Each structure stands twice: as structure tokens, then as C-alpha cells.
């Protein structure tokens, strides 16, 4: 991922936001939407950092259990979009 793609409203997608959050929280610059949270050193404290940043950016509560159940930005982004933002 070299450039952030914007939606029609001019905002980055949830998955793109998650890629940036994962990169920052895990300290690995070359993560992409298919990078696994656990395989890249994620732990429970980092999962709480991820959900806190999502909650701040999106304005919805994101249960930390979702990071554990959906460990890639693509999978977690789909769930957040479907269940939390549109639900």
C-alpha cells in the first residue's frame, strides 16, 4: 500500500485507518491490510491501543475481542464497517 485511497466523502476507509493504526502500534512500517496482528508481535496491551485509537477516530466503541477474533486490518475493517458503523 503506497498511497491512501479516499472514499467518495474524502475519508480513508476503515481498513486503511486500521493499517495505519497497526503500523503505529506494532512499530512495523511495511504492514498491509493482510498483516496478522499476532504474527507481527501483537499482544493484549497493543490490542487495547488499537481499539482506543479506532474509538477515537470513528466515534464508536470497538470491543478488544474483535482484534483477537479478526486479526488482520482487512477482516477487522469489514466487521467494524458492517457491525458497528452501519449496524
N, C-alpha and C. Protein backbone atom coordinates (compact mmCIF):
# COMPACT_ATOMS: atom_id res chain seq x y z
N UNK A 1 0.86 -1.17 0.00
CA UNK A 1 0.00 0.00 0.00
C UNK A 1 0.90 1.23 0.00
N UNK A 2 0.87 1.98 -1.08
CA UNK A 2 1.76 3.12 -1.18
C UNK A 2 1.06 4.44 -0.94
N UNK A 3 -0.22 4.46 -1.14
CA UNK A 3 -0.96 5.70 -1.01
C UNK A 3 -2.33 5.40 -0.43
N UNK A 4 -2.84 6.30 0.37
CA UNK A 4 -4.15 6.11 0.96
C UNK A 4 -5.22 6.43 -0.07
N UNK A 5 -6.13 5.51 -0.29
CA UNK A 5 -7.26 5.72 -1.18
C UNK A 5 -8.39 6.33 -0.37
N UNK A 6 -9.00 7.35 -0.92
CA UNK A 6 -10.07 8.02 -0.19
C UNK A 6 -11.42 7.59 -0.73
N UNK A 7 -12.40 7.56 0.14
CA UNK A 7 -13.76 7.25 -0.28
C UNK A 7 -14.36 8.48 -0.95
N UNK A 8 -15.57 8.34 -1.43
CA UNK A 8 -16.25 9.45 -2.10
C UNK A 8 -16.42 10.65 -1.18
N UNK A 9 -16.43 10.43 0.12
CA UNK A 9 -16.58 11.53 1.07
C UNK A 9 -15.25 12.16 1.43
N UNK A 10 -14.15 11.63 0.85
CA UNK A 10 -12.83 12.20 1.13
C UNK A 10 -12.16 11.62 2.36
N UNK A 11 -12.73 10.55 2.93
CA UNK A 11 -12.16 9.93 4.13
C UNK A 11 -11.52 8.60 3.77
N UNK A 12 -10.49 8.26 4.50
CA UNK A 12 -9.86 6.95 4.31
C UNK A 12 -10.83 5.87 4.76
N UNK A 13 -10.72 4.70 4.16
CA UNK A 13 -11.58 3.59 4.57
C UNK A 13 -11.15 3.10 5.95
N UNK A 14 -12.02 2.35 6.58
CA UNK A 14 -11.72 1.77 7.89
C UNK A 14 -10.50 0.87 7.81
N UNK A 15 -10.39 0.08 6.75
CA UNK A 15 -9.24 -0.81 6.60
C UNK A 15 -7.94 0.00 6.49
N UNK A 16 -7.96 1.06 5.74
CA UNK A 16 -6.77 1.91 5.61
C UNK A 16 -6.41 2.55 6.95
N UNK A 17 -7.41 2.97 7.68
CA UNK A 17 -7.17 3.50 9.02
C UNK A 17 -6.53 2.44 9.90
N UNK A 18 -7.05 1.22 9.83
CA UNK A 18 -6.50 0.12 10.63
C UNK A 18 -5.07 -0.21 10.25
N UNK A 19 -4.74 -0.16 8.98
CA UNK A 19 -3.35 -0.40 8.56
C UNK A 19 -2.44 0.62 9.22
N UNK A 20 -2.83 1.88 9.21
CA UNK A 20 -2.01 2.93 9.85
C UNK A 20 -1.91 2.70 11.35
N UNK A 21 -3.01 2.35 11.99
CA UNK A 21 -3.01 2.09 13.43
C UNK A 21 -2.12 0.90 13.76
N UNK A 22 -2.23 -0.19 13.01
CA UNK A 22 -1.39 -1.37 13.24
C UNK A 22 0.08 -1.00 13.07
N UNK A 23 0.41 -0.28 12.01
CA UNK A 23 1.81 0.11 11.77
C UNK A 23 2.35 0.90 12.96
N UNK A 24 1.56 1.84 13.43
CA UNK A 24 2.00 2.67 14.54
C UNK A 24 2.09 1.87 15.84
N UNK A 25 1.06 1.10 16.15
CA UNK A 25 1.02 0.36 17.42
C UNK A 25 2.07 -0.75 17.47
N UNK A 26 2.32 -1.40 16.33
CA UNK A 26 3.27 -2.51 16.30
C UNK A 26 4.68 -2.06 15.92
N UNK A 27 4.80 -0.82 15.45
CA UNK A 27 6.12 -0.30 15.10
C UNK A 27 6.73 -0.94 13.86
N UNK A 28 5.88 -1.35 12.92
CA UNK A 28 6.35 -2.00 11.70
C UNK A 28 5.76 -1.25 10.50
N UNK A 29 6.61 -0.57 9.76
CA UNK A 29 6.16 0.32 8.70
C UNK A 29 5.59 -0.37 7.47
N UNK A 30 5.96 -1.62 7.22
CA UNK A 30 5.53 -2.25 5.97
C UNK A 30 4.35 -3.21 6.12
N UNK A 31 3.56 -3.06 7.15
CA UNK A 31 2.36 -3.88 7.30
C UNK A 31 1.34 -3.47 6.24
N UNK A 32 0.52 -4.43 5.81
CA UNK A 32 -0.56 -4.12 4.87
C UNK A 32 -1.88 -4.66 5.41
N UNK A 33 -2.91 -4.62 4.59
CA UNK A 33 -4.25 -4.99 5.05
C UNK A 33 -4.39 -6.47 5.38
N UNK A 34 -3.41 -7.29 4.96
CA UNK A 34 -3.46 -8.72 5.24
C UNK A 34 -2.48 -9.15 6.32
N UNK A 35 -1.83 -8.19 6.96
CA UNK A 35 -0.86 -8.49 8.02
C UNK A 35 -1.58 -8.93 9.28
N UNK A 36 -1.15 -10.04 9.85
CA UNK A 36 -1.78 -10.60 11.04
C UNK A 36 -1.24 -9.94 12.30
N UNK A 37 -2.14 -9.51 13.14
CA UNK A 37 -1.81 -8.83 14.39
C UNK A 37 -0.86 -9.67 15.25
N UNK A 38 -1.16 -10.95 15.41
CA UNK A 38 -0.35 -11.82 16.27
C UNK A 38 1.01 -12.13 15.66
N UNK A 39 1.02 -12.45 14.38
CA UNK A 39 2.26 -12.80 13.71
C UNK A 39 3.26 -11.65 13.69
N UNK A 40 2.77 -10.45 13.91
CA UNK A 40 3.63 -9.27 13.91
C UNK A 40 3.89 -8.73 15.30
N UNK A 41 3.67 -9.57 16.32
CA UNK A 41 4.04 -9.20 17.68
C UNK A 41 2.95 -8.58 18.52
N UNK A 42 1.71 -8.60 18.05
CA UNK A 42 0.62 -8.02 18.81
C UNK A 42 0.32 -8.80 20.08
N UNK A 43 -0.04 -8.09 21.13
CA UNK A 43 -0.41 -8.69 22.40
C UNK A 43 -1.63 -7.96 22.94
N UNK A 44 -2.06 -8.33 24.15
CA UNK A 44 -3.29 -7.75 24.69
C UNK A 44 -3.17 -6.24 24.92
N UNK A 45 -2.04 -5.77 25.37
CA UNK A 45 -1.88 -4.33 25.57
C UNK A 45 -1.94 -3.57 24.25
N UNK A 46 -1.31 -4.13 23.24
CA UNK A 46 -1.35 -3.49 21.92
C UNK A 46 -2.76 -3.52 21.35
N UNK A 47 -3.50 -4.59 21.61
CA UNK A 47 -4.89 -4.67 21.14
C UNK A 47 -5.73 -3.55 21.76
N UNK A 48 -5.50 -3.26 23.02
CA UNK A 48 -6.22 -2.15 23.66
C UNK A 48 -5.83 -0.81 23.04
N UNK A 49 -4.57 -0.65 22.66
CA UNK A 49 -4.14 0.58 21.98
C UNK A 49 -4.85 0.71 20.63
N UNK A 50 -4.94 -0.39 19.91
CA UNK A 50 -5.61 -0.39 18.61
C UNK A 50 -7.07 0.03 18.77
N UNK A 51 -7.78 -0.58 19.70
CA UNK A 51 -9.21 -0.25 19.85
C UNK A 51 -9.41 1.18 20.35
N UNK A 52 -8.54 1.66 21.20
CA UNK A 52 -8.65 3.04 21.69
C UNK A 52 -8.48 4.03 20.53
N UNK A 53 -7.54 3.76 19.66
CA UNK A 53 -7.32 4.65 18.50
C UNK A 53 -8.49 4.59 17.53
N UNK A 54 -9.04 3.40 17.35
CA UNK A 54 -10.22 3.28 16.49
C UNK A 54 -11.41 4.03 17.06
N UNK A 55 -11.63 3.86 18.35
CA UNK A 55 -12.74 4.55 19.00
C UNK A 55 -12.60 6.06 18.87
N UNK A 56 -11.38 6.55 19.03
CA UNK A 56 -11.13 7.99 18.89
C UNK A 56 -11.39 8.46 17.47
N UNK A 57 -10.93 7.70 16.49
CA UNK A 57 -11.07 8.09 15.09
C UNK A 57 -12.49 7.94 14.55
N UNK A 58 -13.20 6.90 15.00
CA UNK A 58 -14.51 6.58 14.42
C UNK A 58 -15.69 7.00 15.29
N UNK A 59 -15.44 7.21 16.57
CA UNK A 59 -16.52 7.62 17.46
C UNK A 59 -17.46 6.50 17.87
N UNK A 60 -17.01 5.25 17.74
CA UNK A 60 -17.81 4.10 18.18
C UNK A 60 -16.96 3.21 19.07
N UNK A 61 -17.62 2.51 19.99
CA UNK A 61 -16.90 1.59 20.86
C UNK A 61 -16.54 0.33 20.08
N UNK A 62 -15.26 -0.03 20.13
CA UNK A 62 -14.78 -1.22 19.44
C UNK A 62 -14.28 -2.20 20.50
N UNK A 63 -14.99 -3.30 20.72
CA UNK A 63 -14.56 -4.28 21.72
C UNK A 63 -13.19 -4.88 21.36
N UNK A 64 -12.32 -4.98 22.34
CA UNK A 64 -10.98 -5.52 22.10
C UNK A 64 -11.05 -6.96 21.60
N UNK A 65 -12.09 -7.68 21.94
CA UNK A 65 -12.25 -9.06 21.47
C UNK A 65 -12.27 -9.14 19.95
N UNK A 66 -12.70 -8.08 19.29
CA UNK A 66 -12.73 -8.09 17.83
C UNK A 66 -11.32 -8.17 17.23
N UNK A 67 -10.35 -7.54 17.88
CA UNK A 67 -8.97 -7.61 17.39
C UNK A 67 -8.48 -9.05 17.46
N UNK A 68 -8.86 -9.75 18.52
CA UNK A 68 -8.44 -11.14 18.67
C UNK A 68 -9.16 -12.05 17.67
N UNK A 69 -10.42 -11.79 17.41
CA UNK A 69 -11.20 -12.63 16.51
C UNK A 69 -10.92 -12.35 15.04
N UNK A 70 -10.56 -11.10 14.72
CA UNK A 70 -10.32 -10.68 13.34
C UNK A 70 -8.96 -9.96 13.29
N UNK A 71 -7.86 -10.71 13.23
CA UNK A 71 -6.54 -10.14 13.45
C UNK A 71 -5.90 -9.36 12.29
N UNK A 72 -6.54 -9.32 11.12
CA UNK A 72 -5.96 -8.52 10.04
C UNK A 72 -6.76 -7.23 9.88
N UNK A 73 -6.13 -6.16 9.39
CA UNK A 73 -6.88 -4.93 9.17
C UNK A 73 -8.06 -5.12 8.21
N UNK A 74 -7.90 -5.96 7.19
CA UNK A 74 -8.98 -6.18 6.24
C UNK A 74 -10.19 -6.84 6.92
N UNK A 75 -9.94 -7.89 7.69
CA UNK A 75 -11.03 -8.58 8.37
C UNK A 75 -11.68 -7.72 9.44
N UNK A 76 -10.87 -7.07 10.25
CA UNK A 76 -11.40 -6.22 11.31
C UNK A 76 -12.15 -5.03 10.72
N UNK A 77 -11.61 -4.46 9.65
CA UNK A 77 -12.28 -3.34 8.99
C UNK A 77 -13.66 -3.70 8.48
N UNK A 78 -13.77 -4.90 7.89
CA UNK A 78 -15.09 -5.37 7.41
C UNK A 78 -16.09 -5.47 8.55
N UNK A 79 -15.66 -6.04 9.68
CA UNK A 79 -16.56 -6.21 10.83
C UNK A 79 -16.95 -4.85 11.41
N UNK A 80 -15.98 -3.97 11.56
CA UNK A 80 -16.28 -2.64 12.11
C UNK A 80 -17.26 -1.92 11.20
N UNK A 81 -17.01 -1.95 9.89
CA UNK A 81 -17.92 -1.28 8.95
C UNK A 81 -19.32 -1.86 9.01
N UNK A 82 -19.42 -3.18 8.96
CA UNK A 82 -20.71 -3.85 8.90
C UNK A 82 -21.48 -3.80 10.22
N UNK A 83 -20.79 -4.14 11.32
CA UNK A 83 -21.50 -4.30 12.59
C UNK A 83 -21.56 -3.04 13.44
N UNK A 84 -20.56 -2.19 13.35
CA UNK A 84 -20.51 -1.03 14.26
C UNK A 84 -20.88 0.29 13.59
N UNK A 85 -20.42 0.50 12.38
CA UNK A 85 -20.68 1.78 11.74
C UNK A 85 -22.02 1.81 11.00
N UNK A 86 -22.41 0.68 10.44
CA UNK A 86 -23.67 0.63 9.70
C UNK A 86 -24.79 -0.04 10.49
N UNK A 87 -24.39 -0.79 11.54
CA UNK A 87 -25.35 -1.59 12.30
C UNK A 87 -26.18 -0.78 13.18
